[in-house]
Amino acid sequence: MARGIAPVDLGEAVSQHADTLIELNIACSCAATYLVSSLFGSLIGYRHLRRLAIPEPFLVSAAASTLDEAFPVSLEKIQLQYPMGYTQGYDTARPLRISRLDRLAENKEQFLPKLKTLLWWDQHAPRWRTTGYGFEREREGLYKVFAKKGVEFGIVNASSWCGTQFGRVNPERE
């Protein structure tokens, strides 16, 4: 668990606003680790939420095979943070992460009918000299599968929140 507020406590505090939140942005350290019991959980009850930025581990445990039921149907833009600092470059859960996104695209009409944009934030540690997550073949597949569903898919390689579309000072708003 990262220093500061635990995801489960943050989830409890934020849930009091589930009926009114339109945008929710959460980011964590690239070196954060997560306990299975410390997950934020599903956001299905956030029926007005349109924009979401959140670390992927806040939504699902390392062993969970799906993201389908983690999101409200109202979402239009999602940025999933993959904090890579603790993996030192190779993510052993990468095949599962790719599979989750493939399934999410496959079931878009059912679970995320309004989704327009999905961003994968590859948050590498600042000390790394990296240009990406290193999954070119899978990346191309994800671009194609989301494009077929009318969703813009993108990869953001940034070590900090400020380097992402959601973290910019004056992000584009609709």
C-alpha atoms as a PDB file:
ATOM      1  CA  MET A   1       0.000   0.000   0.000  1.00  0.00           C
ATOM      2  CA  ALA A   2       1.266   3.451  -0.882  1.00  0.00           C
ATOM      3  CA  ARG A   3       1.895   6.064   1.787  1.00  0.00           C
ATOM      4  CA  GLY A   4      -1.081   8.278   2.387  1.00  0.00           C
ATOM      5  CA  ILE A   5      -4.652   7.178   2.083  1.00  0.00           C
ATOM      6  CA  ALA A   6      -5.360   3.524   1.278  1.00  0.00           C
ATOM      7  CA  PRO A   7      -7.448   2.876  -1.867  1.00  0.00           C
ATOM      8  CA  VAL A   8     -10.252   1.311   0.172  1.00  0.00           C
ATOM      9  CA  ASP A   9     -10.441   4.413   2.416  1.00  0.00           C
ATOM     10  CA  LEU A  10     -10.310   6.725  -0.593  1.00  0.00           C
ATOM     11  CA  GLY A  11     -13.078   4.687  -2.217  1.00  0.00           C
ATOM     12  CA  GLU A  12     -15.226   5.022   0.878  1.00  0.00           C
ATOM     13  CA  ALA A  13     -14.700   8.797   1.044  1.00  0.00           C
ATOM     14  CA  VAL A  14     -15.370   9.334  -2.668  1.00  0.00           C
ATOM     15  CA  SER A  15     -18.431   7.050  -2.682  1.00  0.00           C
ATOM     16  CA  GLN A  16     -20.364   9.687  -0.716  1.00  0.00           C
ATOM     17  CA  HIS A  17     -20.365  11.707  -3.958  1.00  0.00           C
ATOM     18  CA  ALA A  18     -21.288   8.847  -6.295  1.00  0.00           C
ATOM     19  CA  ASP A  19     -24.568  10.487  -7.342  1.00  0.00           C
ATOM     20  CA  THR A  20     -22.994  13.783  -8.374  1.00  0.00           C
ATOM     21  CA  LEU A  21     -19.455  13.146  -9.645  1.00  0.00           C
ATOM     22  CA  ILE A  22     -18.903  13.870 -13.330  1.00  0.00           C
ATOM     23  CA  GLU A  23     -15.113  13.595 -13.311  1.00  0.00           C
ATOM     24  CA  LEU A  24     -12.806  11.651 -11.007  1.00  0.00           C
ATOM     25  CA  ASN A  25      -9.003  11.780 -11.255  1.00  0.00           C
ATOM     26  CA  ILE A  26      -6.812   9.596  -9.052  1.00  0.00           C
ATOM     27  CA  ALA A  27      -3.104   8.950  -9.559  1.00  0.00           C
ATOM     28  CA  CYS A  28      -0.497   7.195  -7.450  1.00  0.00           C
ATOM     29  CA  SER A  29       3.258   6.786  -7.263  1.00  0.00           C
ATOM     30  CA  CYS A  30       4.959   4.646  -9.896  1.00  0.00           C
ATOM     31  CA  ALA A  31       6.430   2.596  -7.042  1.00  0.00           C
ATOM     32  CA  ALA A  32       3.139   1.969  -5.228  1.00  0.00           C
ATOM     33  CA  THR A  33       2.246  -1.589  -4.335  1.00  0.00           C
ATOM     34  CA  TYR A  34      -1.244  -2.857  -3.699  1.00  0.00           C
ATOM     35  CA  LEU A  35      -2.746  -5.380  -1.368  1.00  0.00           C
ATOM     36  CA  VAL A  36      -5.674  -7.398  -2.680  1.00  0.00           C
ATOM     37  CA  SER A  37      -7.738  -6.149   0.245  1.00  0.00           C
ATOM     38  CA  SER A  38      -6.943  -2.489  -0.484  1.00  0.00           C
ATOM     39  CA  LEU A  39      -8.740  -2.145  -3.811  1.00  0.00           C
ATOM     40  CA  PHE A  40     -11.029   0.799  -4.565  1.00  0.00           C
ATOM     41  CA  GLY A  41     -13.545  -1.503  -6.246  1.00  0.00           C
ATOM     42  CA  SER A  42     -16.341  -1.045  -8.755  1.00  0.00           C
ATOM     43  CA  LEU A  43     -17.604   2.363  -9.832  1.00  0.00           C
ATOM     44  CA  ILE A  44     -20.892   1.135 -11.314  1.00  0.00           C
ATOM     45  CA  GLY A  45     -22.939   3.256  -8.885  1.00  0.00           C
ATOM     46  CA  TYR A  46     -21.356   6.481 -10.197  1.00  0.00           C
ATOM     47  CA  ARG A  47     -24.068   6.940 -12.813  1.00  0.00           C
ATOM     48  CA  HIS A  48     -23.100  10.497 -13.895  1.00  0.00           C
ATOM     49  CA  LEU A  49     -19.353   9.899 -14.168  1.00  0.00           C
ATOM     50  CA  ARG A  50     -18.109  10.793 -17.662  1.00  0.00           C
ATOM     51  CA  ARG A  51     -14.320  11.165 -17.224  1.00  0.00           C
ATOM     52  CA  LEU A  52     -12.195   8.854 -15.114  1.00  0.00           C
ATOM     53  CA  ALA A  53      -8.466   8.579 -14.484  1.00  0.00           C
ATOM     54  CA  ILE A  54      -7.538   5.821 -12.050  1.00  0.00           C
ATOM     55  CA  PRO A  55      -4.780   3.296 -11.361  1.00  0.00           C
ATOM     56  CA  GLU A  56      -5.850  -0.054 -12.786  1.00  0.00           C
ATOM     57  CA  PRO A  57      -4.949  -1.880  -9.525  1.00  0.00           C
ATOM     58  CA  PHE A  58      -7.522   0.258  -7.669  1.00  0.00           C
ATOM     59  CA  LEU A  59     -10.276  -1.427  -9.694  1.00  0.00           C
ATOM     60  CA  VAL A  60      -9.241  -5.059  -9.942  1.00  0.00           C
ATOM     61  CA  SER A  61      -7.033  -7.473  -8.070  1.00  0.00           C
ATOM     62  CA  ALA A  62      -3.955  -8.902  -9.733  1.00  0.00           C
ATOM     63  CA  ALA A  63      -5.839 -12.154 -10.415  1.00  0.00           C
ATOM     64  CA  ALA A  64      -9.115 -10.652 -11.693  1.00  0.00           C
ATOM     65  CA  SER A  65      -9.719 -11.466 -15.317  1.00  0.00           C
ATOM     66  CA  THR A  66     -12.093  -8.643 -16.251  1.00  0.00           C
ATOM     67  CA  LEU A  67     -12.645  -4.899 -16.014  1.00  0.00           C
ATOM     68  CA  ASP A  68     -16.130  -5.107 -17.549  1.00  0.00           C
ATOM     69  CA  GLU A  69     -18.096  -4.543 -14.392  1.00  0.00           C
ATOM     70  CA  ALA A  70     -15.765  -1.982 -12.825  1.00  0.00           C
ATOM     71  CA  PHE A  71     -17.117   1.034 -14.723  1.00  0.00           C
ATOM     72  CA  PRO A  72     -20.431   2.915 -14.937  1.00  0.00           C
ATOM     73  CA  VAL A  73     -22.090   2.914 -18.373  1.00  0.00           C
ATOM     74  CA  SER A  74     -21.925   6.730 -18.480  1.00  0.00           C
ATOM     75  CA  LEU A  75     -18.131   6.910 -19.010  1.00  0.00           C
ATOM     76  CA  GLU A  76     -16.891   8.671 -22.134  1.00  0.00           C
ATOM     77  CA  LYS A  77     -13.165   8.964 -21.369  1.00  0.00           C
ATOM     78  CA  ILE A  78     -10.960   6.688 -19.292  1.00  0.00           C
ATOM     79  CA  GLN A  79      -7.282   6.882 -18.440  1.00  0.00           C
ATOM     80  CA  LEU A  80      -5.992   3.711 -16.770  1.00  0.00           C
ATOM     81  CA  GLN A  81      -2.716   4.136 -14.930  1.00  0.00           C
ATOM     82  CA  TYR A  82      -0.298   1.216 -14.986  1.00  0.00           C
ATOM     83  CA  PRO A  83       2.327   2.141 -12.359  1.00  0.00           C
ATOM     84  CA  MET A  84       5.398   0.296 -13.550  1.00  0.00           C
ATOM     85  CA  GLY A  85       8.043   1.464 -11.083  1.00  0.00           C
ATOM     86  CA  TYR A  86       7.935  -1.644  -8.933  1.00  0.00           C
ATOM     87  CA  THR A  87       8.269  -4.056 -11.882  1.00  0.00           C
ATOM     88  CA  GLN A  88      11.654  -2.668 -12.984  1.00  0.00           C
ATOM     89  CA  GLY A  89      10.637  -2.819 -16.615  1.00  0.00           C
ATOM     90  CA  TYR A  90       8.835  -6.102 -17.241  1.00  0.00           C
ATOM     91  CA  ASP A  91       5.288  -6.601 -16.050  1.00  0.00           C
ATOM     92  CA  THR A  92       4.542 -10.290 -15.484  1.00  0.00           C
ATOM     93  CA  ALA A  93       0.816  -9.457 -15.481  1.00  0.00           C
ATOM     94  CA  ARG A  94       1.019  -7.925 -18.973  1.00  0.00           C
ATOM     95  CA  PRO A  95      -0.835 -10.774 -20.739  1.00  0.00           C
ATOM     96  CA  LEU A  96      -3.678 -10.476 -18.220  1.00  0.00           C
ATOM     97  CA  ARG A  97      -3.778  -6.673 -18.591  1.00  0.00           C
ATOM     98  CA  ILE A  98      -3.963  -6.999 -22.391  1.00  0.00           C
ATOM     99  CA  SER A  99      -6.672  -9.646 -22.075  1.00  0.00           C
ATOM    100  CA  ARG A 100      -8.726  -7.364 -19.802  1.00  0.00           C
ATOM    101  CA  LEU A 101      -8.584  -4.561 -22.364  1.00  0.00           C
ATOM    102  CA  ASP A 102      -9.438  -6.919 -25.245  1.00  0.00           C
ATOM    103  CA  ARG A 103     -12.484  -8.110 -23.320  1.00  0.00           C
ATOM    104  CA  LEU A 104     -13.471  -4.546 -22.442  1.00  0.00           C
ATOM    105  CA  ALA A 105     -13.428  -3.633 -26.144  1.00  0.00           C
ATOM    106  CA  GLU A 106     -15.310  -6.799 -27.041  1.00  0.00           C
ATOM    107  CA  ASN A 107     -18.083  -5.947 -24.557  1.00  0.00           C
ATOM    108  CA  LYS A 108     -18.069  -2.171 -25.094  1.00  0.00           C
ATOM    109  CA  GLU A 109     -21.703  -1.918 -26.213  1.00  0.00           C
ATOM    110  CA  GLN A 110     -22.920  -3.711 -23.098  1.00  0.00           C
ATOM    111  CA  PHE A 111     -20.702  -2.160 -20.435  1.00  0.00           C
ATOM    112  CA  LEU A 112     -19.421   1.159 -21.870  1.00  0.00           C
ATOM    113  CA  PRO A 113     -21.774   2.240 -24.680  1.00  0.00           C
ATOM    114  CA  LYS A 114     -20.724   5.936 -24.480  1.00  0.00           C
ATOM    115  CA  LEU A 115     -16.951   5.346 -24.374  1.00  0.00           C
ATOM    116  CA  LYS A 116     -15.054   7.540 -26.849  1.00  0.00           C
ATOM    117  CA  THR A 117     -11.475   7.431 -25.515  1.00  0.00           C
ATOM    118  CA  LEU A 118      -9.389   4.953 -23.543  1.00  0.00           C
ATOM    119  CA  LEU A 119      -5.833   5.863 -22.588  1.00  0.00           C
ATOM    120  CA  TRP A 120      -3.244   3.466 -21.174  1.00  0.00           C
ATOM    121  CA  TRP A 121      -0.867   5.473 -19.004  1.00  0.00           C
ATOM    122  CA  ASP A 122       2.417   3.577 -18.891  1.00  0.00           C
ATOM    123  CA  GLN A 123       3.854   5.270 -15.826  1.00  0.00           C
ATOM    124  CA  HIS A 124       7.520   4.378 -15.787  1.00  0.00           C
ATOM    125  CA  ALA A 125       9.863   5.504 -13.052  1.00  0.00           C
ATOM    126  CA  PRO A 126      11.474   8.882 -13.845  1.00  0.00           C
ATOM    127  CA  ARG A 127      14.961   7.328 -13.712  1.00  0.00           C
ATOM    128  CA  TRP A 128      14.165   5.059 -16.663  1.00  0.00           C
ATOM    129  CA  ARG A 129      15.075   6.124 -20.146  1.00  0.00           C
ATOM    130  CA  THR A 130      12.131   4.481 -21.832  1.00  0.00           C
ATOM    131  CA  THR A 131       9.953   5.119 -24.828  1.00  0.00           C
ATOM    132  CA  GLY A 132       7.253   2.645 -23.996  1.00  0.00           C
ATOM    133  CA  TYR A 133       5.972  -0.427 -22.318  1.00  0.00           C
ATOM    134  CA  GLY A 134       7.543  -2.736 -24.887  1.00  0.00           C
ATOM    135  CA  PHE A 135       4.487  -4.543 -26.197  1.00  0.00           C
ATOM    136  CA  GLU A 136       4.359  -3.336 -29.802  1.00  0.00           C
ATOM    137  CA  ARG A 137       2.482  -6.347 -31.193  1.00  0.00           C
ATOM    138  CA  GLU A 138      -0.188  -6.217 -28.477  1.00  0.00           C
ATOM    139  CA  ARG A 139      -0.387  -2.424 -28.754  1.00  0.00           C
ATOM    140  CA  GLU A 140      -1.259  -2.580 -32.440  1.00  0.00           C
ATOM    141  CA  GLY A 141      -3.925  -5.176 -31.672  1.00  0.00           C
ATOM    142  CA  LEU A 142      -5.460  -2.928 -29.017  1.00  0.00           C
ATOM    143  CA  TYR A 143      -5.516   0.068 -31.381  1.00  0.00           C
ATOM    144  CA  LYS A 144      -7.365  -2.045 -33.950  1.00  0.00           C
ATOM    145  CA  VAL A 145      -9.872  -3.696 -31.607  1.00  0.00           C
ATOM    146  CA  PHE A 146     -10.867  -0.372 -30.026  1.00  0.00           C
ATOM    147  CA  ALA A 147     -11.004   1.402 -33.409  1.00  0.00           C
ATOM    148  CA  LYS A 148     -13.509  -1.229 -34.616  1.00  0.00           C
ATOM    149  CA  LYS A 149     -15.695  -0.222 -31.672  1.00  0.00           C
ATOM    150  CA  GLY A 150     -15.385   3.502 -32.404  1.00  0.00           C
ATOM    151  CA  VAL A 151     -13.065   4.147 -29.460  1.00  0.00           C
ATOM    152  CA  GLU A 152      -9.854   6.141 -29.680  1.00  0.00           C
ATOM    153  CA  PHE A 153      -7.176   4.103 -27.908  1.00  0.00           C
ATOM    154  CA  GLY A 154      -3.888   5.668 -26.918  1.00  0.00           C
ATOM    155  CA  ILE A 155      -0.712   4.962 -25.001  1.00  0.00           C
ATOM    156  CA  VAL A 156       0.711   7.701 -22.791  1.00  0.00           C
ATOM    157  CA  ASN A 157       4.352   7.243 -21.744  1.00  0.00           C
ATOM    158  CA  ALA A 158       4.953   9.603 -18.860  1.00  0.00           C
ATOM    159  CA  SER A 159       6.570   9.363 -15.464  1.00  0.00           C
ATOM    160  CA  SER A 160       4.206  11.875 -13.840  1.00  0.00           C
ATOM    161  CA  TRP A 161       0.533  12.829 -13.837  1.00  0.00           C
ATOM    162  CA  CYS A 162       1.349  16.196 -15.450  1.00  0.00           C
ATOM    163  CA  GLY A 163       2.576  14.405 -18.567  1.00  0.00           C
ATOM    164  CA  THR A 164      -0.824  12.814 -19.250  1.00  0.00           C
ATOM    165  CA  GLN A 165      -3.872  14.249 -21.021  1.00  0.00           C
ATOM    166  CA  PHE A 166      -5.869  14.156 -17.811  1.00  0.00           C
ATOM    167  CA  GLY A 167      -3.076  15.757 -15.796  1.00  0.00           C
ATOM    168  CA  ARG A 168      -2.419  18.812 -17.931  1.00  0.00           C
ATOM    169  CA  VAL A 169      -3.250  22.180 -16.400  1.00  0.00           C
ATOM    170  CA  ASN A 170      -5.890  23.035 -19.011  1.00  0.00           C
ATOM    171  CA  PRO A 171      -7.070  19.684 -20.355  1.00  0.00           C
ATOM    172  CA  GLU A 172      -9.596  19.664 -23.151  1.00  0.00           C
ATOM    173  CA  ARG A 173     -13.112  19.510 -21.713  1.00  0.00           C
ATOM    174  CA  GLU A 174     -16.324  18.667 -23.474  1.00  0.00           C
END
